[in-house]
Amino acid sequence: MDVPGPVSRRAAAAAVLLRTARVPRECWFLPTALLCAYGFFASLRPSEPFLTPYLLGPDKNLSEREEPKPDRLLVLKVLWNDFLMCYSSRPLLCWSVWWALSTCGYFQVVNYTQGLWEKVMPSRYAAIYNGGVEAVSTLLGAVAVFAVGYIKISWSTWGEMTLSLFSLLIAAAVYIMDTGGNIWVCYASYVVFRIIYMLLITIATFQIAANLSMERYALVFGVNTFIALALQTLLTLIVVDASGLGLEITTQFLIYAGYFALIAVVFLASGAVSIMKKCRKLEDPESSSQVTTS
């Protein structure tokens, strides 16, 4: 006979829990067997006893003799000499400076653009297409990178002016994205921003590699990447982080637009000086030839 009241209800609930706690054997047996099989085959290495004799074969140019460790000071000295030799080239220095500065700004815009879009059009109020915009911008950027191979231009002469012009376009795109107030304007500006950056970074990478030997690729691109990330960290601490200015997202993007505009001004001045020097070199042989003939 059932006992009415809270006692019987607690007993019934306990019985239900006991019935649901009984897990059938087939529910745990298969995963356990798979895990055991994985552990067995992961630890089974039939080729390991034969690996060392194979690598020490006469055609592999390896030996068991332990080579002495190189002097750390000597390694640092060689690395420093390579660094000075690489960055003593003015074309490589210009392209590397733009590479590092623009990559810093690019990372900042890409990392915080979702916050700007959320402020312009909150996702809880309307459908958003952020992922689609990222995909489209990547696709169009790849098309632009493919098309750049057909551009015939003297990068040694007009490279800095080109960097200045397109950096100014990037600044305009970021500024419009910040002040447009419409999500579709933001999307279009972001697509233009990414296309221009992907186009220029491909040209910059090629120009840097063209002025280097293959052994120094890792050094130069590693230094450029380190400088870009260091600048990005500093910019984040100043502009974004609460310990710095902690600015609102719209003010942040206004600063990023000004950042790219400053890059454009710097390379405009550098390009103008470079073109003037080359024009003077072209004029000097003519004047010297006139003097000799007279």
Protein backbone atom coordinates (compact mmCIF):
# COMPACT_ATOMS: atom_id res chain seq x y z
CA MET A 1 0.00 0.00 0.00
CA ASP A 2 1.42 3.43 -1.03
CA VAL A 3 2.07 5.93 1.69
CA PRO A 4 0.56 9.28 0.76
CA GLY A 5 2.34 12.57 1.32
CA PRO A 6 5.78 14.03 0.68
CA VAL A 7 7.58 10.84 1.72
CA SER A 8 6.00 8.83 -1.09
CA ARG A 9 6.76 11.58 -3.60
CA ARG A 10 10.42 11.63 -2.59
CA ALA A 11 10.61 7.86 -2.90
CA ALA A 12 9.07 7.95 -6.35
CA ALA A 13 11.53 10.64 -7.47
CA ALA A 14 14.46 8.60 -6.15
CA ALA A 15 13.24 5.56 -8.06
CA VAL A 16 13.08 7.57 -11.29
CA LEU A 17 16.63 8.84 -10.77
CA LEU A 18 17.89 5.31 -10.18
CA ARG A 19 16.25 4.07 -13.37
CA THR A 20 17.74 6.91 -15.45
CA ALA A 21 21.18 6.48 -13.87
CA ARG A 22 21.47 2.91 -15.16
CA VAL A 23 23.43 3.38 -18.38
CA PRO A 24 23.17 0.50 -20.82
CA ARG A 25 26.37 -1.35 -21.48
CA GLU A 26 26.39 -0.56 -25.19
CA CYS A 27 26.41 3.22 -24.45
CA TRP A 28 29.84 3.19 -22.78
CA PHE A 29 31.47 0.09 -24.22
CA LEU A 30 32.00 1.38 -27.77
CA PRO A 31 33.62 4.75 -26.80
CA THR A 32 35.84 2.99 -24.27
CA ALA A 33 36.93 0.42 -26.85
CA LEU A 34 37.71 3.14 -29.37
CA LEU A 35 39.79 5.08 -26.83
CA CYS A 36 41.74 1.95 -25.90
CA ALA A 37 42.36 1.14 -29.56
CA TYR A 38 43.52 4.69 -30.21
CA GLY A 39 45.95 4.58 -27.28
CA PHE A 40 47.34 1.25 -28.45
CA PHE A 41 47.93 2.28 -32.06
CA ALA A 42 49.24 5.73 -31.05
CA SER A 43 51.91 4.07 -28.92
CA LEU A 44 52.69 1.40 -31.53
CA ARG A 45 55.65 2.61 -33.59
CA PRO A 46 57.00 -0.29 -35.63
CA SER A 47 59.42 1.85 -37.63
CA GLU A 48 61.13 3.47 -34.63
CA PRO A 49 63.85 0.80 -34.11
CA PHE A 50 64.86 1.15 -37.76
CA LEU A 51 64.65 4.97 -37.97
CA THR A 52 68.10 5.79 -36.58
CA PRO A 53 70.00 3.29 -38.78
CA TYR A 54 68.09 4.59 -41.80
CA LEU A 55 69.00 8.22 -41.09
CA LEU A 56 72.64 7.29 -40.50
CA GLY A 57 72.88 5.63 -43.92
CA PRO A 58 75.72 6.60 -46.27
CA ASP A 59 73.41 8.62 -48.52
CA LYS A 60 71.90 10.81 -45.75
CA ASN A 61 75.05 12.79 -44.82
CA LEU A 62 74.32 12.46 -41.06
CA SER A 63 76.42 11.11 -38.20
CA GLU A 64 76.07 10.28 -34.51
CA ARG A 65 78.89 12.66 -33.58
CA GLU A 66 77.67 15.59 -31.50
CA GLU A 67 78.76 18.89 -32.98
CA PRO A 68 80.02 21.61 -30.60
CA LYS A 69 77.50 24.31 -29.79
CA PRO A 70 78.12 27.59 -31.64
CA ASP A 71 79.26 30.65 -29.73
CA ARG A 72 76.20 32.74 -28.87
CA LEU A 73 78.07 36.01 -29.16
CA LEU A 74 79.31 35.03 -32.61
CA VAL A 75 75.77 34.11 -33.68
CA LEU A 76 74.44 37.45 -32.44
CA LYS A 77 77.25 39.30 -34.20
CA VAL A 78 76.50 37.56 -37.50
CA LEU A 79 72.78 38.24 -37.06
CA TRP A 80 73.42 41.91 -36.36
CA ASN A 81 75.68 42.24 -39.40
CA ASP A 82 73.02 40.63 -41.58
CA PHE A 83 70.43 43.00 -40.12
CA LEU A 84 72.54 46.07 -40.95
CA MET A 85 73.30 44.77 -44.42
CA CYS A 86 69.64 44.13 -45.20
CA TYR A 87 68.25 47.43 -43.95
CA SER A 88 71.05 49.52 -45.46
CA SER A 89 69.22 49.16 -48.77
CA ARG A 90 66.91 52.17 -49.12
CA PRO A 91 64.24 50.44 -51.28
CA LEU A 92 64.05 47.53 -48.86
CA LEU A 93 63.91 49.91 -45.90
CA CYS A 94 61.03 51.90 -47.43
CA TRP A 95 58.97 48.85 -48.29
CA SER A 96 59.67 47.30 -44.87
CA VAL A 97 58.62 50.47 -43.04
CA TRP A 98 55.34 50.58 -44.96
CA TRP A 99 54.89 46.83 -44.41
CA ALA A 100 55.23 47.14 -40.64
CA LEU A 101 53.20 50.34 -40.23
CA SER A 102 50.32 49.27 -42.47
CA THR A 103 50.16 45.77 -40.98
CA CYS A 104 49.80 47.33 -37.53
CA GLY A 105 46.89 49.49 -38.71
CA TYR A 106 45.33 46.62 -40.64
CA PHE A 107 45.28 44.37 -37.59
CA GLN A 108 43.67 47.10 -35.52
CA VAL A 109 40.90 47.72 -38.05
CA VAL A 110 40.19 44.03 -38.63
CA ASN A 111 40.20 43.19 -34.91
CA TYR A 112 37.74 45.92 -33.90
CA THR A 113 35.56 46.36 -36.98
CA GLN A 114 32.95 43.96 -35.59
CA GLY A 115 32.47 46.28 -32.63
CA LEU A 116 31.96 49.22 -34.96
CA TRP A 117 29.39 47.31 -37.02
CA GLU A 118 27.58 46.30 -33.86
CA LYS A 119 27.34 49.95 -32.86
CA VAL A 120 26.09 51.01 -36.29
CA MET A 121 23.57 48.15 -36.58
CA PRO A 122 23.00 46.07 -33.43
CA SER A 123 22.60 42.40 -34.32
CA ARG A 124 19.59 41.98 -32.05
CA TYR A 125 17.56 44.42 -34.15
CA ALA A 126 18.33 43.29 -37.71
CA ALA A 127 19.96 40.59 -39.80
CA ILE A 128 23.69 41.08 -40.22
CA TYR A 129 26.02 39.86 -42.94
CA ASN A 130 29.41 40.24 -41.29
CA GLY A 131 30.63 36.79 -42.27
CA GLY A 132 29.53 37.26 -45.87
CA VAL A 133 31.35 40.59 -46.07
CA GLU A 134 34.53 38.97 -44.78
CA ALA A 135 34.23 36.25 -47.42
CA VAL A 136 33.53 38.70 -50.25
CA SER A 137 36.39 40.99 -49.25
CA THR A 138 38.79 38.04 -49.15
CA LEU A 139 37.65 36.82 -52.56
CA LEU A 140 37.90 40.25 -54.19
CA GLY A 141 41.26 40.81 -52.53
CA ALA A 142 42.52 37.56 -54.05
CA VAL A 143 41.31 38.70 -57.48
CA ALA A 144 43.12 42.02 -57.04
CA VAL A 145 46.31 40.21 -56.01
CA PHE A 146 46.07 38.04 -59.12
CA ALA A 147 45.54 41.10 -61.32
CA VAL A 148 48.53 43.00 -59.90
CA GLY A 149 50.85 40.75 -61.86
CA TYR A 150 49.67 42.44 -65.06
CA ILE A 151 50.46 45.97 -63.81
CA LYS A 152 53.55 47.37 -65.51
CA ILE A 153 55.11 50.10 -63.40
CA SER A 154 58.61 51.09 -62.30
CA TRP A 155 58.28 50.39 -58.58
CA SER A 156 61.77 51.72 -57.92
CA THR A 157 60.62 55.14 -59.16
CA TRP A 158 56.93 55.32 -58.33
CA GLY A 159 56.69 52.80 -55.50
CA GLU A 160 56.65 55.31 -52.64
CA MET A 161 54.16 57.57 -54.40
CA THR A 162 51.94 54.55 -55.01
CA LEU A 163 52.13 53.61 -51.35
CA SER A 164 51.23 57.16 -50.42
CA LEU A 165 48.24 57.29 -52.76
CA PHE A 166 46.78 53.96 -51.70
CA SER A 167 47.46 54.63 -48.01
CA LEU A 168 45.39 57.78 -48.44
CA LEU A 169 42.61 55.69 -50.02
CA ILE A 170 42.78 53.31 -47.06
CA ALA A 171 42.49 56.27 -44.68
CA ALA A 172 39.44 57.52 -46.61
CA ALA A 173 37.82 54.06 -46.50
CA VAL A 174 38.34 53.78 -42.73
CA TYR A 175 37.03 57.32 -42.22
CA ILE A 176 33.88 56.64 -44.30
CA MET A 177 33.34 53.36 -42.45
CA ASP A 178 33.53 55.25 -39.17
CA THR A 179 31.32 58.21 -40.05
CA GLY A 180 28.94 56.74 -42.64
CA GLY A 181 26.30 55.71 -40.10
CA ASN A 182 24.91 53.05 -42.45
CA ILE A 183 25.82 49.38 -42.20
CA TRP A 184 26.00 48.95 -45.99
CA VAL A 185 28.35 51.91 -46.26
CA CYS A 186 30.47 50.28 -43.57
CA TYR A 187 30.45 46.99 -45.45
CA ALA A 188 31.46 48.61 -48.76
CA SER A 189 34.23 50.66 -47.11
CA TYR A 190 35.57 47.57 -45.39
CA VAL A 191 35.69 45.64 -48.66
CA VAL A 192 37.61 48.50 -50.32
CA PHE A 193 39.94 48.70 -47.32
CA ARG A 194 40.82 45.00 -47.47
CA ILE A 195 41.22 44.92 -51.25
CA ILE A 196 43.70 47.81 -51.20
CA TYR A 197 45.65 46.38 -48.28
CA MET A 198 45.89 42.88 -49.78
CA LEU A 199 46.98 44.40 -53.08
CA LEU A 200 49.70 46.55 -51.53
CA ILE A 201 50.97 43.98 -49.06
CA THR A 202 51.52 41.56 -51.93
CA ILE A 203 53.52 44.16 -53.85
CA ALA A 204 55.48 45.07 -50.72
CA THR A 205 56.28 41.43 -49.96
CA PHE A 206 57.51 40.88 -53.51
CA GLN A 207 59.64 44.04 -53.49
CA ILE A 208 61.22 43.11 -50.16
CA ALA A 209 61.97 39.57 -51.35
CA ALA A 210 63.42 40.90 -54.61
CA ASN A 211 66.05 42.86 -52.65
CA LEU A 212 67.06 39.91 -50.48
CA SER A 213 68.84 36.62 -50.73
CA MET A 214 66.75 33.64 -49.73
CA GLU A 215 68.80 33.07 -46.56
CA ARG A 216 67.68 36.44 -45.16
CA TYR A 217 63.92 36.13 -45.78
CA ALA A 218 63.21 34.88 -42.27
CA LEU A 219 65.28 37.65 -40.66
CA VAL A 220 63.67 40.57 -42.50
CA PHE A 221 60.08 39.35 -42.42
CA GLY A 222 60.50 38.31 -38.80
CA VAL A 223 61.77 41.78 -37.84
CA ASN A 224 58.99 43.46 -39.84
CA THR A 225 56.33 41.31 -38.18
CA PHE A 226 57.79 41.95 -34.72
CA ILE A 227 57.75 45.72 -35.28
CA ALA A 228 54.16 45.56 -36.57
CA LEU A 229 52.98 43.58 -33.54
CA ALA A 230 54.91 45.82 -31.13
CA LEU A 231 53.29 48.91 -32.66
CA GLN A 232 49.88 47.25 -32.53
CA THR A 233 50.34 46.42 -28.85
CA LEU A 234 51.35 50.01 -28.13
CA LEU A 235 48.42 51.40 -30.12
CA THR A 236 46.01 49.07 -28.34
CA LEU A 237 47.31 50.11 -24.92
CA ILE A 238 46.98 53.79 -25.76
CA VAL A 239 43.69 53.85 -27.67
CA VAL A 240 41.66 50.80 -26.63
CA ASP A 241 42.77 49.61 -23.21
CA ALA A 242 41.10 51.02 -20.12
CA SER A 243 44.50 51.76 -18.59
CA GLY A 244 45.13 54.13 -21.50
CA LEU A 245 42.62 56.45 -23.12
CA GLY A 246 39.91 53.79 -23.39
CA LEU A 247 38.20 55.59 -26.27
CA GLU A 248 34.87 54.69 -27.81
CA ILE A 249 34.87 52.58 -30.95
CA THR A 250 34.02 55.46 -33.29
CA THR A 251 36.84 57.59 -31.91
CA GLN A 252 39.22 54.66 -32.26
CA PHE A 253 38.45 54.32 -35.96
CA LEU A 254 38.87 58.05 -36.43
CA ILE A 255 42.38 57.66 -35.01
CA TYR A 256 43.05 54.68 -37.31
CA ALA A 257 42.02 56.79 -40.31
CA GLY A 258 44.40 59.52 -39.18
CA TYR A 259 47.10 56.88 -38.70
CA PHE A 260 46.88 55.77 -42.35
CA ALA A 261 46.70 59.41 -43.48
CA LEU A 262 49.96 60.06 -41.61
CA ILE A 263 51.54 57.08 -43.40
CA ALA A 264 50.40 58.59 -46.70
CA VAL A 265 51.99 61.96 -45.86
CA VAL A 266 55.29 60.36 -44.84
CA PHE A 267 55.58 58.35 -48.03
CA LEU A 268 54.45 61.28 -50.15
CA ALA A 269 57.35 63.35 -48.81
CA SER A 270 59.79 60.45 -49.16
CA GLY A 271 58.62 59.71 -52.70
CA ALA A 272 58.87 63.35 -53.74
CA VAL A 273 62.45 63.56 -52.47
CA SER A 274 63.34 60.31 -54.22
CA ILE A 275 61.90 61.46 -57.56
CA MET A 276 63.67 64.81 -57.32
CA LYS A 277 67.00 63.06 -56.72
CA LYS A 278 66.50 60.84 -59.73
CA CYS A 279 65.56 63.80 -61.92
CA ARG A 280 68.75 65.59 -60.87
CA LYS A 281 70.82 62.51 -61.72
CA LEU A 282 69.26 62.47 -65.18
CA GLU A 283 70.05 66.15 -65.68
CA ASP A 284 73.67 65.95 -64.51
CA PRO A 285 75.03 63.87 -67.44
CA GLU A 286 73.45 66.31 -69.93
CA SER A 287 75.02 69.35 -68.26
CA SER A 288 78.41 67.67 -67.97
CA SER A 289 78.32 66.68 -71.65
CA GLN A 290 77.54 70.30 -72.63
CA VAL A 291 80.54 71.53 -70.63
CA THR A 292 82.91 69.09 -72.29
CA THR A 293 81.72 69.95 -75.80
CA SER A 294 82.09 73.68 -75.22
